[in-house]
Amino acid sequence: MTAGTAGGGNHDVKTVIGLAESHAYTVLGCAILSNGQKLVKMRNPWSSETFKGDWSRNSDKWTPELKAEVGEDGADDGVFFMSLVDFHSNFSSTSINLDTTGMHNAYILKLND
């Protein structure tokens, strides 16, 4: 499952919250924290992250307990969390492929997902 940001075709341009414009991110999963917050777990295929919104790696919303609930380890590996509300506000498309029969490297690049 992937999600893409809108933009003018230049992924070097970043949004106010640090997402690359015109860029595809992998959707790794979702979580509901014990405080009721709904999060989407994302991955930047560039293996590093510049997202700086709510629930980003350095957000003051995290407590050690909440980080433990979702396994947030602080590594700059491209994986990050964002609220479901921010996901809806910042991604213009979502793609799901349920049947990968017959797909090969000419169709998709898979990096340790």
Protein backbone atom coordinates (compact mmCIF):
# COMPACT_ATOMS: atom_id res chain seq x y z
CA MET A 1 0.00 0.00 0.00
CA THR A 2 1.39 3.40 -0.94
CA ALA A 3 0.35 7.00 -0.52
CA GLY A 4 1.47 9.95 -2.58
CA THR A 5 1.80 13.64 -1.89
CA ALA A 6 0.66 16.33 -4.30
CA GLY A 7 3.09 18.73 -5.89
CA GLY A 8 4.53 20.18 -9.02
CA GLY A 9 6.84 17.26 -9.82
CA ASN A 10 9.84 18.30 -7.72
CA HIS A 11 10.24 15.97 -4.73
CA ASP A 12 13.09 18.15 -3.40
CA VAL A 13 10.42 20.66 -2.30
CA LYS A 14 9.15 19.97 1.23
CA THR A 15 5.77 20.80 2.73
CA VAL A 16 5.42 22.83 5.93
CA ILE A 17 5.58 19.59 7.95
CA GLY A 18 8.57 18.23 6.02
CA LEU A 19 6.99 15.77 3.59
CA ALA A 20 8.47 15.67 0.09
CA GLU A 21 6.07 16.92 -2.59
CA SER A 22 5.26 14.64 -5.56
CA HIS A 23 6.59 11.65 -3.62
CA ALA A 24 5.32 8.17 -2.79
CA TYR A 25 5.53 6.75 0.73
CA THR A 26 4.81 3.20 1.89
CA VAL A 27 1.92 2.70 4.30
CA LEU A 28 3.16 0.07 6.76
CA GLY A 29 0.18 -0.09 9.09
CA CYS A 30 -2.08 1.66 11.55
CA ALA A 31 -2.32 1.80 15.33
CA ILE A 32 -4.68 3.11 17.96
CA LEU A 33 -2.78 4.25 21.04
CA SER A 34 -4.09 3.71 24.56
CA ASN A 35 -4.98 7.43 24.63
CA GLY A 36 -7.29 6.91 21.62
CA GLN A 37 -4.99 8.59 19.08
CA LYS A 38 -5.16 6.96 15.62
CA LEU A 39 -1.78 6.79 13.87
CA VAL A 40 -0.59 5.68 10.46
CA LYS A 41 2.85 4.08 10.25
CA MET A 42 4.65 5.33 7.14
CA ARG A 43 7.99 4.73 5.42
CA ASN A 44 9.94 7.04 3.18
CA PRO A 45 11.73 4.81 0.62
CA TRP A 46 14.72 7.18 0.83
CA SER A 47 15.41 5.52 4.24
CA SER A 48 15.60 8.82 6.10
CA GLU A 49 12.89 11.15 7.24
CA THR A 50 12.22 14.88 7.40
CA PHE A 51 8.63 14.71 8.69
CA LYS A 52 8.28 17.12 11.61
CA GLY A 53 4.54 17.20 12.34
CA ASP A 54 2.61 15.83 15.32
CA TRP A 55 3.76 12.31 16.21
CA SER A 56 7.04 12.70 14.29
CA ARG A 57 10.11 11.22 15.92
CA ASN A 58 10.86 14.35 17.98
CA SER A 59 7.26 15.31 18.75
CA ASP A 60 6.49 16.19 22.36
CA LYS A 61 3.28 14.14 22.05
CA TRP A 62 5.25 10.92 22.58
CA THR A 63 5.77 9.44 26.01
CA PRO A 64 8.04 6.44 26.59
CA GLU A 65 4.91 4.35 27.20
CA LEU A 66 3.23 5.42 23.95
CA LYS A 67 6.44 4.79 21.99
CA ALA A 68 6.58 1.29 23.45
CA GLU A 69 3.01 0.59 22.32
CA VAL A 70 3.97 0.97 18.65
CA GLY A 71 7.69 0.13 18.79
CA GLU A 72 8.92 3.64 17.96
CA ASP A 73 12.67 3.28 18.47
CA GLY A 74 13.91 6.69 17.32
CA ALA A 75 15.96 5.30 14.43
CA ASP A 76 16.29 7.53 11.36
CA ASP A 77 15.42 4.70 8.97
CA GLY A 78 12.60 6.40 7.07
CA VAL A 79 9.83 4.94 9.26
CA PHE A 80 7.59 7.44 11.02
CA PHE A 81 4.12 7.84 12.49
CA MET A 82 1.54 10.52 11.76
CA SER A 83 -2.02 11.06 12.89
CA LEU A 84 -4.80 9.77 10.68
CA VAL A 85 -6.06 13.36 10.38
CA ASP A 86 -2.64 14.53 9.09
CA PHE A 87 -2.52 11.56 6.71
CA HIS A 88 -5.84 12.60 5.15
CA SER A 89 -4.71 16.24 4.96
CA ASN A 90 -1.29 15.64 3.40
CA PHE A 91 -1.63 12.72 0.98
CA SER A 92 -3.52 13.13 -2.26
CA SER A 93 -3.62 9.49 -3.35
CA THR A 94 -3.54 6.01 -1.85
CA SER A 95 -2.89 2.85 -3.87
CA ILE A 96 -3.51 -0.74 -2.87
CA ASN A 97 -2.55 -3.80 -4.88
CA LEU A 98 -4.16 -6.95 -3.55
CA ASP A 99 -3.02 -9.31 -6.31
CA THR A 100 0.68 -9.38 -7.13
CA THR A 101 0.44 -12.48 -9.36
CA GLY A 102 2.68 -12.03 -12.36
CA MET A 103 4.38 -8.91 -11.03
CA HIS A 104 8.15 -8.71 -11.29
CA ASN A 105 10.86 -6.10 -10.88
CA ALA A 106 9.74 -4.24 -13.99
CA TYR A 107 6.55 -3.30 -12.14
CA ILE A 108 7.62 -2.59 -8.56
CA LEU A 109 10.67 -1.95 -6.43
CA LYS A 110 10.47 -3.63 -3.03
CA LEU A 111 13.04 -2.66 -0.43
CA ASN A 112 12.92 -4.97 2.61
CA ASP A 113 9.21 -4.41 3.13
